[in-house]
Amino acid sequence: MTDEEMIAALRRLHEAFNRGDFEAALQLVHPDIEFVRTGGQSSVKGVAALREWMEPDAIEEQHFEPLDFRVKGDKVLVREHVTGRGAGSGIEVDVVGWFVWTLDDHGLVKETQVFLPHEEAEALEAAGLSE
């Protein structure tokens, strides 16, 4: 896949997720996907577990806006603006973080790693972009 094709696939995934079309988003992920979350939380493994994670519970109105992309091999580092609101508390989430997406030869996402705003160096290393 070309860099442009990988970025286009990730844009389609974000667009589907943001409009709440989780089934369309899941068409763009590998059945054995692993979603590596921040803060020592356990990974979400497999498409069924990812589908369950997508359902808003603690955070509602989640929105992920990719700001820029950097491709290295099968990995894409994306700086993303994430917004949402706590379902019970109403507390607003508004943060720019880092995501490293690993795609297979067919453009399906095999792995996603999430990094907090202050973890840019770790995200660059995970994407193979550190100097």
N, C-alpha and C. Protein backbone atom coordinates (compact mmCIF):
# COMPACT_ATOMS: atom_id res chain seq x y z
N MET A 1 0.83 -1.19 0.00
CA MET A 1 0.00 0.00 0.00
C MET A 1 0.87 1.25 0.00
N THR A 2 0.39 2.26 -0.67
CA THR A 2 1.11 3.53 -0.66
C THR A 2 0.78 4.29 0.63
N ASP A 3 1.61 5.27 0.93
CA ASP A 3 1.34 6.11 2.09
C ASP A 3 -0.04 6.76 1.96
N GLU A 4 -0.37 7.23 0.78
CA GLU A 4 -1.65 7.90 0.56
C GLU A 4 -2.81 6.95 0.79
N GLU A 5 -2.68 5.70 0.36
CA GLU A 5 -3.75 4.71 0.57
C GLU A 5 -3.94 4.41 2.06
N MET A 6 -2.83 4.33 2.78
CA MET A 6 -2.93 4.08 4.22
C MET A 6 -3.63 5.24 4.92
N ILE A 7 -3.26 6.46 4.56
CA ILE A 7 -3.88 7.65 5.17
C ILE A 7 -5.36 7.70 4.81
N ALA A 8 -5.70 7.40 3.57
CA ALA A 8 -7.11 7.41 3.14
C ALA A 8 -7.92 6.38 3.93
N ALA A 9 -7.35 5.20 4.16
CA ALA A 9 -8.05 4.17 4.94
C ALA A 9 -8.30 4.66 6.37
N LEU A 10 -7.31 5.31 6.97
CA LEU A 10 -7.48 5.82 8.33
C LEU A 10 -8.49 6.97 8.36
N ARG A 11 -8.51 7.78 7.34
CA ARG A 11 -9.53 8.85 7.28
C ARG A 11 -10.93 8.25 7.22
N ARG A 12 -11.10 7.20 6.40
CA ARG A 12 -12.41 6.54 6.30
C ARG A 12 -12.82 5.94 7.66
N LEU A 13 -11.87 5.33 8.36
CA LEU A 13 -12.16 4.75 9.67
C LEU A 13 -12.61 5.84 10.64
N HIS A 14 -11.89 6.96 10.69
CA HIS A 14 -12.25 8.06 11.58
C HIS A 14 -13.64 8.61 11.22
N GLU A 15 -13.89 8.81 9.94
CA GLU A 15 -15.19 9.35 9.51
C GLU A 15 -16.33 8.44 9.93
N ALA A 16 -16.17 7.13 9.74
CA ALA A 16 -17.21 6.18 10.13
C ALA A 16 -17.43 6.20 11.65
N PHE A 17 -16.35 6.16 12.40
CA PHE A 17 -16.46 6.18 13.87
C PHE A 17 -17.15 7.45 14.33
N ASN A 18 -16.73 8.59 13.80
CA ASN A 18 -17.27 9.87 14.26
C ASN A 18 -18.75 10.06 13.94
N ARG A 19 -19.23 9.39 12.90
CA ARG A 19 -20.66 9.49 12.60
C ARG A 19 -21.46 8.38 13.29
N GLY A 20 -20.76 7.57 14.09
CA GLY A 20 -21.44 6.51 14.85
C GLY A 20 -21.71 5.26 14.05
N ASP A 21 -21.11 5.15 12.86
CA ASP A 21 -21.28 3.96 12.02
C ASP A 21 -20.16 2.98 12.36
N PHE A 22 -20.31 2.34 13.52
CA PHE A 22 -19.26 1.46 14.03
C PHE A 22 -19.06 0.23 13.14
N GLU A 23 -20.13 -0.24 12.52
CA GLU A 23 -20.00 -1.41 11.64
C GLU A 23 -19.11 -1.08 10.45
N ALA A 24 -19.27 0.12 9.88
CA ALA A 24 -18.42 0.54 8.76
C ALA A 24 -16.98 0.69 9.23
N ALA A 25 -16.79 1.24 10.43
CA ALA A 25 -15.43 1.39 10.97
C ALA A 25 -14.77 0.02 11.14
N LEU A 26 -15.54 -0.94 11.61
CA LEU A 26 -14.98 -2.27 11.86
C LEU A 26 -14.61 -3.00 10.57
N GLN A 27 -15.18 -2.59 9.44
CA GLN A 27 -14.80 -3.18 8.16
C GLN A 27 -13.36 -2.84 7.80
N LEU A 28 -12.79 -1.85 8.49
CA LEU A 28 -11.44 -1.38 8.18
C LEU A 28 -10.40 -1.89 9.17
N VAL A 29 -10.79 -2.83 10.03
CA VAL A 29 -9.85 -3.39 10.99
C VAL A 29 -9.70 -4.89 10.79
N HIS A 30 -8.54 -5.39 11.13
CA HIS A 30 -8.23 -6.82 11.06
C HIS A 30 -9.01 -7.54 12.17
N PRO A 31 -9.48 -8.77 11.92
CA PRO A 31 -10.23 -9.49 12.96
C PRO A 31 -9.46 -9.66 14.27
N ASP A 32 -8.13 -9.72 14.19
CA ASP A 32 -7.32 -9.90 15.39
C ASP A 32 -6.71 -8.59 15.89
N ILE A 33 -7.39 -7.49 15.66
CA ILE A 33 -6.88 -6.18 16.06
C ILE A 33 -6.55 -6.14 17.55
N GLU A 34 -5.52 -5.35 17.87
CA GLU A 34 -5.21 -5.06 19.26
C GLU A 34 -5.17 -3.55 19.44
N PHE A 35 -5.97 -3.07 20.39
CA PHE A 35 -6.05 -1.66 20.72
C PHE A 35 -5.34 -1.48 22.06
N VAL A 36 -4.13 -0.89 22.01
CA VAL A 36 -3.29 -0.72 23.19
C VAL A 36 -3.60 0.65 23.78
N ARG A 37 -4.25 0.63 24.95
CA ARG A 37 -4.70 1.88 25.57
C ARG A 37 -3.64 2.46 26.51
N THR A 38 -3.87 3.68 26.92
CA THR A 38 -2.94 4.39 27.79
C THR A 38 -3.18 4.04 29.26
N GLY A 39 -2.27 4.52 30.08
CA GLY A 39 -2.46 4.47 31.52
C GLY A 39 -2.49 3.09 32.15
N GLY A 40 -1.86 2.13 31.50
CA GLY A 40 -1.82 0.79 32.08
C GLY A 40 -3.12 0.02 31.95
N GLN A 41 -4.08 0.55 31.21
CA GLN A 41 -5.32 -0.18 30.97
C GLN A 41 -5.03 -1.40 30.10
N SER A 42 -5.81 -2.44 30.26
CA SER A 42 -5.58 -3.63 29.45
C SER A 42 -5.93 -3.34 27.99
N SER A 43 -5.27 -4.07 27.11
CA SER A 43 -5.54 -3.95 25.67
C SER A 43 -6.93 -4.50 25.35
N VAL A 44 -7.49 -3.98 24.29
CA VAL A 44 -8.73 -4.50 23.73
C VAL A 44 -8.30 -5.36 22.55
N LYS A 45 -8.65 -6.64 22.58
CA LYS A 45 -8.18 -7.56 21.54
C LYS A 45 -9.34 -8.21 20.81
N GLY A 46 -9.27 -8.13 19.49
CA GLY A 46 -10.29 -8.76 18.64
C GLY A 46 -11.40 -7.79 18.28
N VAL A 47 -12.02 -8.07 17.14
CA VAL A 47 -13.02 -7.16 16.61
C VAL A 47 -14.26 -7.09 17.50
N ALA A 48 -14.67 -8.19 18.13
CA ALA A 48 -15.86 -8.16 19.00
C ALA A 48 -15.63 -7.28 20.22
N ALA A 49 -14.45 -7.39 20.83
CA ALA A 49 -14.13 -6.56 21.99
C ALA A 49 -14.02 -5.09 21.59
N LEU A 50 -13.46 -4.83 20.41
CA LEU A 50 -13.36 -3.45 19.94
C LEU A 50 -14.75 -2.87 19.70
N ARG A 51 -15.64 -3.67 19.13
CA ARG A 51 -17.02 -3.20 18.89
C ARG A 51 -17.69 -2.83 20.21
N GLU A 52 -17.49 -3.64 21.22
CA GLU A 52 -18.06 -3.36 22.54
C GLU A 52 -17.47 -2.06 23.10
N TRP A 53 -16.15 -1.87 22.94
CA TRP A 53 -15.49 -0.66 23.43
C TRP A 53 -16.06 0.60 22.75
N MET A 54 -16.44 0.49 21.49
CA MET A 54 -16.92 1.64 20.74
C MET A 54 -18.22 2.21 21.29
N GLU A 55 -19.02 1.39 21.93
CA GLU A 55 -20.29 1.88 22.48
C GLU A 55 -20.03 2.89 23.57
N PRO A 56 -20.60 4.07 23.44
CA PRO A 56 -20.39 5.09 24.47
C PRO A 56 -20.94 4.63 25.82
N ASP A 57 -20.11 4.76 26.84
CA ASP A 57 -20.58 4.46 28.19
C ASP A 57 -20.14 5.59 29.12
N ALA A 58 -18.91 5.56 29.58
CA ALA A 58 -18.42 6.62 30.46
C ALA A 58 -18.25 7.94 29.69
N ILE A 59 -17.84 7.84 28.44
CA ILE A 59 -17.66 9.02 27.59
C ILE A 59 -18.67 8.93 26.46
N GLU A 60 -19.46 9.99 26.31
CA GLU A 60 -20.39 10.03 25.19
C GLU A 60 -19.96 11.11 24.21
N GLU A 61 -20.52 11.06 23.02
CA GLU A 61 -20.19 12.03 21.98
C GLU A 61 -18.68 12.10 21.72
N GLN A 62 -18.05 10.93 21.63
CA GLN A 62 -16.62 10.89 21.34
C GLN A 62 -16.38 11.32 19.89
N HIS A 63 -15.31 12.07 19.69
CA HIS A 63 -14.95 12.50 18.34
C HIS A 63 -13.42 12.51 18.24
N PHE A 64 -12.90 11.89 17.20
CA PHE A 64 -11.46 11.80 16.97
C PHE A 64 -11.16 12.51 15.65
N GLU A 65 -10.40 13.60 15.71
CA GLU A 65 -10.06 14.36 14.51
C GLU A 65 -8.57 14.24 14.23
N PRO A 66 -8.20 13.52 13.15
CA PRO A 66 -6.79 13.44 12.80
C PRO A 66 -6.27 14.79 12.33
N LEU A 67 -5.17 15.23 12.93
CA LEU A 67 -4.60 16.54 12.59
C LEU A 67 -3.48 16.41 11.57
N ASP A 68 -2.62 15.39 11.73
CA ASP A 68 -1.58 15.15 10.73
C ASP A 68 -1.11 13.71 10.81
N PHE A 69 -0.52 13.27 9.71
CA PHE A 69 -0.12 11.89 9.53
C PHE A 69 1.36 11.84 9.17
N ARG A 70 2.06 10.84 9.72
CA ARG A 70 3.44 10.54 9.31
C ARG A 70 3.54 9.04 9.14
N VAL A 71 3.94 8.61 7.97
CA VAL A 71 3.98 7.18 7.64
C VAL A 71 5.41 6.68 7.65
N LYS A 72 5.60 5.49 8.21
CA LYS A 72 6.89 4.80 8.17
C LYS A 72 6.60 3.31 8.05
N GLY A 73 6.84 2.77 6.86
CA GLY A 73 6.56 1.35 6.64
C GLY A 73 5.08 1.06 6.77
N ASP A 74 4.73 0.13 7.66
CA ASP A 74 3.32 -0.23 7.86
C ASP A 74 2.68 0.54 9.01
N LYS A 75 3.38 1.54 9.55
CA LYS A 75 2.89 2.31 10.69
C LYS A 75 2.58 3.75 10.29
N VAL A 76 1.53 4.29 10.90
CA VAL A 76 1.15 5.68 10.67
C VAL A 76 1.01 6.35 12.03
N LEU A 77 1.81 7.39 12.24
CA LEU A 77 1.69 8.19 13.45
C LEU A 77 0.69 9.30 13.16
N VAL A 78 -0.33 9.40 14.00
CA VAL A 78 -1.36 10.42 13.80
C VAL A 78 -1.49 11.24 15.07
N ARG A 79 -1.36 12.55 14.92
CA ARG A 79 -1.66 13.46 16.02
C ARG A 79 -3.15 13.74 15.92
N GLU A 80 -3.89 13.47 17.01
CA GLU A 80 -5.34 13.54 16.95
C GLU A 80 -5.91 14.43 18.05
N HIS A 81 -6.94 15.17 17.69
CA HIS A 81 -7.69 15.98 18.64
C HIS A 81 -8.89 15.13 19.06
N VAL A 82 -8.95 14.81 20.34
CA VAL A 82 -10.00 13.95 20.88
C VAL A 82 -10.90 14.78 21.78
N THR A 83 -12.21 14.70 21.52
CA THR A 83 -13.18 15.39 22.35
C THR A 83 -14.28 14.42 22.77
N GLY A 84 -14.92 14.75 23.84
CA GLY A 84 -16.04 13.96 24.33
C GLY A 84 -16.58 14.58 25.59
N ARG A 85 -17.60 13.93 26.17
CA ARG A 85 -18.18 14.42 27.40
C ARG A 85 -18.53 13.23 28.28
N GLY A 86 -18.24 13.37 29.58
CA GLY A 86 -18.58 12.32 30.53
C GLY A 86 -20.08 12.09 30.56
N ALA A 87 -20.51 10.85 30.44
CA ALA A 87 -21.93 10.53 30.35
C ALA A 87 -22.68 10.95 31.62
N GLY A 88 -22.12 10.67 32.76
CA GLY A 88 -22.79 11.02 34.00
C GLY A 88 -22.40 12.38 34.52
N SER A 89 -21.15 12.73 34.36
CA SER A 89 -20.61 13.95 34.97
C SER A 89 -20.76 15.18 34.09
N GLY A 90 -20.81 14.98 32.77
CA GLY A 90 -20.83 16.11 31.86
C GLY A 90 -19.47 16.76 31.68
N ILE A 91 -18.43 16.20 32.31
CA ILE A 91 -17.09 16.75 32.20
C ILE A 91 -16.61 16.62 30.75
N GLU A 92 -16.07 17.71 30.24
CA GLU A 92 -15.59 17.74 28.86
C GLU A 92 -14.19 17.14 28.75
N VAL A 93 -13.98 16.33 27.72
CA VAL A 93 -12.67 15.82 27.35
C VAL A 93 -12.24 16.58 26.10
N ASP A 94 -11.06 17.16 26.13
CA ASP A 94 -10.56 17.91 24.99
C ASP A 94 -9.04 17.85 25.05
N VAL A 95 -8.46 16.95 24.27
CA VAL A 95 -7.02 16.71 24.36
C VAL A 95 -6.47 16.37 22.97
N VAL A 96 -5.22 16.70 22.76
CA VAL A 96 -4.52 16.29 21.55
C VAL A 96 -3.52 15.22 21.97
N GLY A 97 -3.67 14.04 21.40
CA GLY A 97 -2.78 12.93 21.73
C GLY A 97 -2.20 12.31 20.47
N TRP A 98 -1.53 11.21 20.68
CA TRP A 98 -0.82 10.52 19.60
C TRP A 98 -1.36 9.11 19.45
N PHE A 99 -1.54 8.67 18.22
CA PHE A 99 -1.98 7.32 17.92
C PHE A 99 -1.00 6.74 16.91
N VAL A 100 -0.59 5.50 17.13
CA VAL A 100 0.23 4.78 16.15
C VAL A 100 -0.63 3.64 15.62
N TRP A 101 -0.92 3.70 14.35
CA TRP A 101 -1.75 2.71 13.66
C TRP A 101 -0.84 1.82 12.83
N THR A 102 -1.01 0.50 12.96
CA THR A 102 -0.26 -0.46 12.15
C THR A 102 -1.26 -1.15 11.23
N LEU A 103 -0.97 -1.09 9.93
CA LEU A 103 -1.88 -1.66 8.93
C LEU A 103 -1.25 -2.88 8.26
N ASP A 104 -2.10 -3.79 7.81
CA ASP A 104 -1.60 -4.95 7.08
C ASP A 104 -1.53 -4.61 5.58
N ASP A 105 -1.16 -5.60 4.76
CA ASP A 105 -0.98 -5.37 3.33
C ASP A 105 -2.28 -5.00 2.61
N HIS A 106 -3.44 -5.29 3.26
CA HIS A 106 -4.73 -4.99 2.66
C HIS A 106 -5.32 -3.67 3.19
N GLY A 107 -4.56 -2.97 4.02
CA GLY A 107 -5.03 -1.70 4.56
C GLY A 107 -5.91 -1.82 5.78
N LEU A 108 -5.95 -3.02 6.37
CA LEU A 108 -6.72 -3.21 7.60
C LEU A 108 -5.85 -2.89 8.81
N VAL A 109 -6.44 -2.27 9.81
CA VAL A 109 -5.70 -1.91 11.02
C VAL A 109 -5.49 -3.16 11.87
N LYS A 110 -4.21 -3.48 12.12
CA LYS A 110 -3.85 -4.63 12.96
C LYS A 110 -3.67 -4.23 14.41
N GLU A 111 -3.19 -2.99 14.61
CA GLU A 111 -2.91 -2.53 15.97
C GLU A 111 -3.04 -1.01 16.02
N THR A 112 -3.53 -0.54 17.15
CA THR A 112 -3.57 0.89 17.44
C THR A 112 -2.99 1.07 18.83
N GLN A 113 -2.02 1.97 18.95
CA GLN A 113 -1.44 2.33 20.24
C GLN A 113 -1.77 3.78 20.52
N VAL A 114 -2.18 4.07 21.75
CA VAL A 114 -2.56 5.43 22.13
C VAL A 114 -1.51 5.98 23.08
N PHE A 115 -1.14 7.24 22.85
CA PHE A 115 -0.15 7.92 23.70
C PHE A 115 -0.71 9.27 24.13
N LEU A 116 -0.48 9.63 25.37
CA LEU A 116 -0.93 10.90 25.92
C LEU A 116 -0.12 12.05 25.34
N PRO A 117 -0.61 13.30 25.48
CA PRO A 117 0.08 14.44 24.88
C PRO A 117 1.56 14.54 25.22
N HIS A 118 1.93 14.22 26.45
CA HIS A 118 3.33 14.34 26.86
C HIS A 118 4.18 13.14 26.43
N GLU A 119 3.59 12.18 25.73
CA GLU A 119 4.30 10.97 25.33
C GLU A 119 4.68 10.97 23.84
N GLU A 120 4.93 12.14 23.30
CA GLU A 120 5.28 12.24 21.89
C GLU A 120 6.52 11.40 21.56
N ALA A 121 7.55 11.45 22.40
CA ALA A 121 8.78 10.69 22.14
C ALA A 121 8.48 9.19 22.06
N GLU A 122 7.64 8.71 22.96
CA GLU A 122 7.28 7.28 22.96
C GLU A 122 6.49 6.93 21.70
N ALA A 123 5.61 7.84 21.28
CA ALA A 123 4.82 7.60 20.06
C ALA A 123 5.73 7.57 18.83
N LEU A 124 6.67 8.50 18.77
CA LEU A 124 7.62 8.52 17.65
C LEU A 124 8.42 7.23 17.61
N GLU A 125 8.86 6.75 18.77
CA GLU A 125 9.62 5.50 18.82
C GLU A 125 8.77 4.32 18.37
N ALA A 126 7.53 4.25 18.85
CA ALA A 126 6.62 3.15 18.46
C ALA A 126 6.34 3.14 16.96
N ALA A 127 6.36 4.33 16.35
CA ALA A 127 6.11 4.44 14.91
C ALA A 127 7.37 4.27 14.08
N GLY A 128 8.53 4.08 14.77
CA GLY A 128 9.79 3.94 14.06
C GLY A 128 10.30 5.26 13.50
N LEU A 129 9.88 6.37 14.11
CA LEU A 129 10.24 7.69 13.60
C LEU A 129 11.21 8.43 14.51
N SER A 130 11.65 7.81 15.58
CA SER A 130 12.58 8.52 16.48
C SER A 130 13.96 8.56 15.85
N GLU A 131 14.67 9.59 16.15
CA GLU A 131 16.01 9.78 15.58
C GLU A 131 17.04 8.97 16.34
